[in-house]
Amino acid sequence: MNKSFYLLLMLCLISCKNTSDPNILSQAFSHDEFTPTAKSDTLFVDLVASEVLWKGTKMRGAGQHQGRILLKDGFFLSDGKHITGGKFIVAMHTIEVTDIPKHEPVPKKRLEDHLKGPDFFNSPKYPIAIFEITNVLSTANGMLNIEGDLTIKDVTRSIQFTAILHEGTFSGIFSINRFDYNIGYTGSWLEKTLVDKQVEITIKMIIRS
């Protein structure tokens, strides 16, 4: 299923429209940096079935919040046998809190608006987060050691985590230090420390058949 083509897409044209339709290719890939080569298979992911989940814990175990963010676009690169790379774009304005029930709309909306606001992800100014796989190492037990660059709020950091690819589903869990990405960094001392600096991210990418 080799495909040789150019993804003529532009990061600067990303809007706040619903992009969960897997039949619509988003305009989010850089032509120069992320054009799949003729020697690579491009494996697009199912944008509806795939998940990006987050969990933030309050200091000293006082509680936690968790939720999800919708995937805007994404693909893996393969040499025909193994995953060799990939790129995934998350629409930050879709961040949702899932541990507050929908029958409590006021606190749910208040927290979601706060997460989208300037003290946290500032989604109007930084509408996307990007993860690009830079290296994949298969281990003897069938796991994948993933290295890549994660960009949030125009800050790029290298991350590593262990993943598994089973029957078309790529799964992994990793944590980030939110201060590394200037998330919740400009508020008061209380605002900075009320929530633990570590945020857990769980990804489940379903490869389209």
Foldseek 3Di string as FASTA:
>chain_A
DFDADFLQADCVPDDPDDQQQQVDQHRHDDRVPDGDDRQKHKWWFRQNPKWKKKKWAFPPRPGIWIWTWGWNTKIFIDNVPDTFKMKTKTFLLRTFTDVDDVVPVPVRVVVSCVCCPPLFQVCVVWGMKMKIWDGWDADPVQKIWTWIWIAGQNQIDIDIWIWHADPQKIKTKDKDQRVSRNGNVPDDPCSNRRIHRIMMIIIITGTDD
